[in-house]
N, C-alpha and C. Protein backbone atom coordinates (compact mmCIF):
# COMPACT_ATOMS: atom_id res chain seq x y z
N UNK A 1 0.82 -1.18 0.00
CA UNK A 1 0.00 0.00 0.00
C UNK A 1 0.86 1.25 0.00
N UNK A 2 1.95 1.21 0.76
CA UNK A 2 2.87 2.34 0.78
C UNK A 2 3.52 2.53 -0.59
N UNK A 3 3.80 1.44 -1.27
CA UNK A 3 4.42 1.54 -2.59
C UNK A 3 3.45 2.19 -3.58
N UNK A 4 2.17 1.80 -3.48
CA UNK A 4 1.18 2.37 -4.39
C UNK A 4 1.02 3.87 -4.15
N UNK A 5 0.98 4.30 -2.88
CA UNK A 5 0.83 5.73 -2.59
C UNK A 5 2.06 6.51 -3.01
N UNK A 6 3.24 5.89 -2.89
CA UNK A 6 4.45 6.59 -3.33
C UNK A 6 4.47 6.72 -4.85
N UNK A 7 3.94 5.71 -5.58
CA UNK A 7 3.85 5.81 -7.05
C UNK A 7 2.86 6.92 -7.44
N UNK A 8 1.73 6.97 -6.73
CA UNK A 8 0.76 8.01 -7.03
C UNK A 8 1.33 9.40 -6.74
N UNK A 9 2.08 9.49 -5.66
CA UNK A 9 2.70 10.77 -5.31
C UNK A 9 3.71 11.17 -6.38
N UNK A 10 4.51 10.21 -6.83
CA UNK A 10 5.48 10.49 -7.89
C UNK A 10 4.79 10.91 -9.18
N UNK A 11 3.67 10.27 -9.50
CA UNK A 11 2.91 10.61 -10.70
C UNK A 11 2.35 12.03 -10.59
N UNK A 12 1.86 12.38 -9.41
CA UNK A 12 1.31 13.73 -9.21
C UNK A 12 2.41 14.78 -9.35
N UNK A 13 3.57 14.49 -8.75
CA UNK A 13 4.70 15.44 -8.85
C UNK A 13 5.15 15.56 -10.29
N UNK A 14 5.20 14.47 -11.02
CA UNK A 14 5.62 14.51 -12.41
C UNK A 14 4.63 15.33 -13.24
N UNK A 15 3.32 15.14 -13.00
CA UNK A 15 2.32 15.90 -13.74
C UNK A 15 2.43 17.39 -13.42
N UNK A 16 2.76 17.68 -12.18
CA UNK A 16 2.90 19.08 -11.78
C UNK A 16 4.06 19.73 -12.51
N UNK A 17 5.19 19.05 -12.55
CA UNK A 17 6.35 19.58 -13.27
C UNK A 17 6.06 19.68 -14.77
N UNK A 18 5.34 18.72 -15.29
CA UNK A 18 5.01 18.73 -16.71
C UNK A 18 4.08 19.92 -17.02
N UNK A 19 3.16 20.18 -16.13
CA UNK A 19 2.25 21.30 -16.31
C UNK A 19 3.01 22.63 -16.27
N UNK A 20 3.96 22.76 -15.34
CA UNK A 20 4.75 23.99 -15.23
C UNK A 20 5.61 24.19 -16.47
N UNK A 21 6.16 23.12 -17.00
CA UNK A 21 6.99 23.24 -18.20
C UNK A 21 6.13 23.60 -19.40
N UNK A 22 4.93 23.06 -19.48
CA UNK A 22 4.04 23.38 -20.60
C UNK A 22 3.55 24.82 -20.51
N UNK A 23 3.36 25.31 -19.32
CA UNK A 23 2.89 26.69 -19.17
C UNK A 23 3.99 27.69 -19.51
N UNK A 24 5.24 27.31 -19.34
CA UNK A 24 6.35 28.23 -19.62
C UNK A 24 6.61 28.36 -21.11
N UNK A 25 6.26 27.37 -21.89
CA UNK A 25 6.55 27.42 -23.33
C UNK A 25 5.74 28.48 -24.08
N UNK A 26 4.42 28.60 -23.87
CA UNK A 26 3.68 29.59 -24.66
C UNK A 26 4.00 31.03 -24.30
N UNK A 27 4.69 31.27 -23.22
CA UNK A 27 5.03 32.64 -22.85
C UNK A 27 5.91 33.29 -23.92
N UNK A 28 6.76 32.53 -24.53
CA UNK A 28 7.63 33.07 -25.57
C UNK A 28 6.84 33.33 -26.85
N UNK A 29 5.69 32.70 -27.00
CA UNK A 29 4.92 32.84 -28.22
C UNK A 29 3.96 34.03 -28.16
N UNK A 30 3.95 34.78 -27.07
CA UNK A 30 3.06 35.94 -26.96
C UNK A 30 3.48 37.01 -27.96
N UNK A 31 2.51 37.74 -28.49
CA UNK A 31 2.88 38.80 -29.44
C UNK A 31 3.61 39.94 -28.74
N UNK A 32 4.36 40.67 -29.51
CA UNK A 32 5.13 41.79 -28.96
C UNK A 32 4.18 42.89 -28.51
N UNK A 33 4.64 43.70 -27.56
CA UNK A 33 3.83 44.79 -27.04
C UNK A 33 3.69 45.87 -28.11
N UNK A 34 2.46 46.24 -28.39
CA UNK A 34 2.19 47.29 -29.37
C UNK A 34 1.96 48.60 -28.60
N UNK A 35 2.88 49.52 -28.74
CA UNK A 35 2.80 50.79 -28.03
C UNK A 35 1.88 51.73 -28.80
N UNK A 36 0.58 51.40 -28.74
CA UNK A 36 -0.42 52.11 -29.53
C UNK A 36 -0.60 53.56 -29.09
N UNK A 37 -0.51 53.82 -27.79
CA UNK A 37 -0.75 55.17 -27.27
C UNK A 37 0.54 55.90 -26.89
N UNK A 38 1.67 55.42 -27.33
CA UNK A 38 2.98 56.05 -27.12
C UNK A 38 3.30 56.24 -25.64
N UNK A 39 3.14 55.19 -24.86
CA UNK A 39 3.55 55.23 -23.47
C UNK A 39 5.06 55.35 -23.39
N UNK A 40 5.53 56.02 -22.35
CA UNK A 40 6.96 56.11 -22.12
C UNK A 40 7.42 54.78 -21.52
N UNK A 41 8.06 53.97 -22.33
CA UNK A 41 8.43 52.63 -21.89
C UNK A 41 9.67 52.68 -21.00
N UNK A 42 10.50 53.67 -21.15
CA UNK A 42 11.71 53.81 -20.35
C UNK A 42 11.65 55.12 -19.55
N UNK A 43 10.84 55.18 -18.50
CA UNK A 43 10.78 56.43 -17.74
C UNK A 43 12.06 56.65 -16.95
N UNK A 44 12.36 57.90 -16.62
CA UNK A 44 13.58 58.16 -15.84
C UNK A 44 13.41 57.64 -14.42
N UNK A 45 14.49 57.44 -13.70
CA UNK A 45 14.40 57.01 -12.31
C UNK A 45 13.64 58.04 -11.48
N UNK A 46 13.11 57.58 -10.36
CA UNK A 46 12.25 58.43 -9.55
C UNK A 46 13.00 59.66 -9.05
N UNK A 47 14.28 59.53 -8.70
CA UNK A 47 14.98 60.67 -8.13
C UNK A 47 15.18 61.79 -9.15
N UNK A 48 15.03 61.51 -10.43
CA UNK A 48 15.18 62.56 -11.43
C UNK A 48 13.95 63.44 -11.50
N UNK A 49 12.82 62.99 -11.00
CA UNK A 49 11.64 63.84 -10.98
C UNK A 49 11.79 64.96 -9.95
N UNK A 50 12.52 64.73 -8.89
CA UNK A 50 12.71 65.74 -7.87
C UNK A 50 13.94 66.55 -8.26
N UNK A 51 13.72 67.64 -8.94
CA UNK A 51 14.84 68.44 -9.43
C UNK A 51 14.76 69.85 -8.84
N UNK A 52 15.61 70.72 -9.32
CA UNK A 52 15.68 72.09 -8.78
C UNK A 52 14.38 72.85 -9.04
N UNK A 53 13.74 72.61 -10.18
CA UNK A 53 12.50 73.33 -10.49
C UNK A 53 11.41 72.96 -9.49
N UNK A 54 11.25 71.68 -9.20
CA UNK A 54 10.22 71.27 -8.24
C UNK A 54 10.53 71.81 -6.85
N UNK A 55 11.78 71.80 -6.45
CA UNK A 55 12.15 72.32 -5.14
C UNK A 55 11.90 73.82 -5.06
N UNK A 56 12.19 74.55 -6.13
CA UNK A 56 11.97 75.99 -6.10
C UNK A 56 10.48 76.32 -6.05
N UNK A 57 9.64 75.54 -6.74
CA UNK A 57 8.19 75.76 -6.67
C UNK A 57 7.70 75.52 -5.25
N UNK A 58 8.21 74.47 -4.61
CA UNK A 58 7.80 74.18 -3.24
C UNK A 58 8.22 75.31 -2.30
N UNK A 59 9.45 75.80 -2.45
CA UNK A 59 9.92 76.87 -1.59
C UNK A 59 9.19 78.18 -1.87
N UNK A 60 8.71 78.37 -3.08
CA UNK A 60 7.95 79.58 -3.40
C UNK A 60 6.55 79.52 -2.81
N UNK A 61 6.02 78.34 -2.56
CA UNK A 61 4.67 78.22 -2.02
C UNK A 61 4.65 78.48 -0.52
N UNK A 62 5.75 78.24 0.17
CA UNK A 62 5.78 78.39 1.63
C UNK A 62 5.46 79.83 2.05
N UNK A 63 6.07 80.88 1.48
CA UNK A 63 5.69 82.24 1.89
C UNK A 63 4.23 82.57 1.57
N UNK A 64 3.70 82.05 0.47
CA UNK A 64 2.29 82.28 0.13
C UNK A 64 1.41 81.64 1.20
N UNK A 65 1.74 80.45 1.62
CA UNK A 65 0.98 79.75 2.66
C UNK A 65 1.02 80.55 3.97
N UNK A 66 2.19 81.05 4.34
CA UNK A 66 2.30 81.84 5.56
C UNK A 66 1.54 83.15 5.45
N UNK A 67 1.56 83.79 4.28
CA UNK A 67 0.84 85.04 4.09
C UNK A 67 -0.67 84.83 4.20
N UNK A 68 -1.16 83.76 3.62
CA UNK A 68 -2.61 83.47 3.71
C UNK A 68 -2.98 83.21 5.17
N UNK A 69 -2.15 82.50 5.91
CA UNK A 69 -2.42 82.26 7.32
C UNK A 69 -2.42 83.54 8.13
N UNK A 70 -1.48 84.43 7.84
CA UNK A 70 -1.42 85.70 8.56
C UNK A 70 -2.65 86.55 8.27
N UNK A 71 -3.08 86.61 7.01
CA UNK A 71 -4.27 87.39 6.64
C UNK A 71 -5.50 86.80 7.32
N UNK A 72 -5.62 85.49 7.35
CA UNK A 72 -6.77 84.86 8.00
C UNK A 72 -6.76 85.14 9.50
N UNK A 73 -5.58 85.14 10.11
CA UNK A 73 -5.49 85.45 11.53
C UNK A 73 -5.87 86.91 11.79
N UNK A 74 -5.42 87.81 10.91
CA UNK A 74 -5.74 89.23 11.07
C UNK A 74 -7.24 89.48 10.90
N UNK A 75 -7.85 88.83 9.92
CA UNK A 75 -9.29 89.03 9.70
C UNK A 75 -10.11 88.41 10.84
N UNK A 76 -9.66 87.32 11.38
CA UNK A 76 -10.40 86.65 12.43
C UNK A 76 -10.15 87.18 13.82
N UNK A 77 -9.18 88.09 13.97
CA UNK A 77 -8.87 88.59 15.31
C UNK A 77 -9.97 89.49 15.86
N UNK A 78 -10.72 90.16 14.99
CA UNK A 78 -11.78 91.05 15.44
C UNK A 78 -13.12 90.34 15.61
N UNK A 79 -13.20 89.09 15.19
CA UNK A 79 -14.45 88.36 15.32
C UNK A 79 -14.53 87.69 16.68
N UNK A 80 -15.74 87.53 17.17
CA UNK A 80 -15.91 86.86 18.45
C UNK A 80 -15.83 85.35 18.24
N UNK A 81 -15.09 84.71 19.09
CA UNK A 81 -14.96 83.27 19.02
C UNK A 81 -15.74 82.61 20.13
N UNK A 82 -15.08 81.73 20.84
CA UNK A 82 -15.74 81.02 21.94
C UNK A 82 -16.12 81.98 23.07
N UNK A 83 -15.32 83.03 23.23
CA UNK A 83 -15.65 83.98 24.28
C UNK A 83 -16.99 84.66 24.01
N UNK A 84 -17.26 84.99 22.76
CA UNK A 84 -18.54 85.58 22.40
C UNK A 84 -19.70 84.63 22.64
N UNK A 85 -19.50 83.35 22.34
CA UNK A 85 -20.55 82.37 22.59
C UNK A 85 -20.82 82.22 24.09
N UNK A 86 -19.77 82.19 24.89
CA UNK A 86 -19.94 82.06 26.34
C UNK A 86 -20.61 83.31 26.90
N UNK A 87 -20.24 84.47 26.40
CA UNK A 87 -20.87 85.71 26.86
C UNK A 87 -22.36 85.73 26.53
N UNK A 88 -22.72 85.26 25.33
CA UNK A 88 -24.13 85.20 24.95
C UNK A 88 -24.88 84.19 25.81
N UNK A 89 -24.25 83.07 26.11
CA UNK A 89 -24.91 82.04 26.92
C UNK A 89 -25.14 82.53 28.34
N UNK A 90 -24.25 83.35 28.86
CA UNK A 90 -24.40 83.85 30.22
C UNK A 90 -25.26 85.11 30.29
N UNK A 91 -25.64 85.66 29.16
CA UNK A 91 -26.43 86.89 29.17
C UNK A 91 -27.89 86.58 29.50
N UNK A 92 -28.67 87.64 29.63
CA UNK A 92 -30.08 87.49 29.97
C UNK A 92 -30.91 87.04 28.78
N UNK A 93 -30.36 87.10 27.58
CA UNK A 93 -31.11 86.71 26.39
C UNK A 93 -31.48 85.22 26.43
N UNK A 94 -30.62 84.42 27.02
CA UNK A 94 -30.88 82.98 27.07
C UNK A 94 -32.00 82.69 28.05
N UNK A 95 -32.12 83.51 29.06
CA UNK A 95 -33.16 83.28 30.07
C UNK A 95 -34.56 83.53 29.50
N UNK A 96 -34.67 84.28 28.41
CA UNK A 96 -35.96 84.54 27.79
C UNK A 96 -36.47 83.37 26.96
N UNK A 97 -35.60 82.43 26.61
CA UNK A 97 -36.00 81.31 25.79
C UNK A 97 -36.81 80.34 26.63
N UNK A 98 -37.99 79.99 26.16
CA UNK A 98 -38.87 79.07 26.87
C UNK A 98 -38.65 77.66 26.32
N UNK A 99 -38.01 76.82 27.09
CA UNK A 99 -37.78 75.45 26.66
C UNK A 99 -38.99 74.59 27.02
N UNK A 100 -39.40 73.73 26.13
CA UNK A 100 -40.52 72.85 26.36
C UNK A 100 -41.86 73.50 26.15
N UNK A 101 -41.87 74.73 25.74
CA UNK A 101 -43.12 75.45 25.49
C UNK A 101 -43.40 75.45 23.99
N UNK A 102 -44.68 75.43 23.60
CA UNK A 102 -44.98 75.52 22.17
C UNK A 102 -44.62 76.92 21.66
N UNK A 103 -44.12 76.96 20.45
CA UNK A 103 -43.71 78.22 19.85
C UNK A 103 -44.93 79.00 19.41
N UNK A 104 -44.82 80.30 19.46
CA UNK A 104 -45.89 81.18 19.01
C UNK A 104 -45.92 81.18 17.50
N UNK A 105 -47.10 80.97 16.97
CA UNK A 105 -47.27 80.96 15.52
C UNK A 105 -47.47 82.38 15.03
N UNK A 106 -46.64 82.81 14.10
CA UNK A 106 -46.77 84.15 13.53
C UNK A 106 -47.14 83.99 12.06
N UNK A 107 -48.40 84.21 11.72
CA UNK A 107 -48.80 84.05 10.32
C UNK A 107 -48.16 85.13 9.43
N UNK A 108 -47.75 84.74 8.28
CA UNK A 108 -47.16 85.69 7.34
C UNK A 108 -48.26 86.28 6.48
N UNK A 109 -48.13 87.53 6.13
CA UNK A 109 -49.16 88.20 5.33
C UNK A 109 -48.74 88.28 3.89
């Protein structure tokens, strides 16, 4: 019984190798790549994309970013933030709001 299982195992291994060898043969028969849309088949290495022009554009954007932040800070300095909300919440205006009461209906003319 052991001999029969070893023969079957050998047959399976042989078929597996035969299948792998048969699959490798048609790979050479594939048609050549047709560069129909003119793709760049030999692109430059990645480090060549990062050049002086890209670095200068990045460095030119930094002052613009800081200027926009400064202008936004200047425009927002006169507006009320959380302090204004807290002041409104502590004012008497909040005490006039009736919670749990039906709202008064005001018909429009």
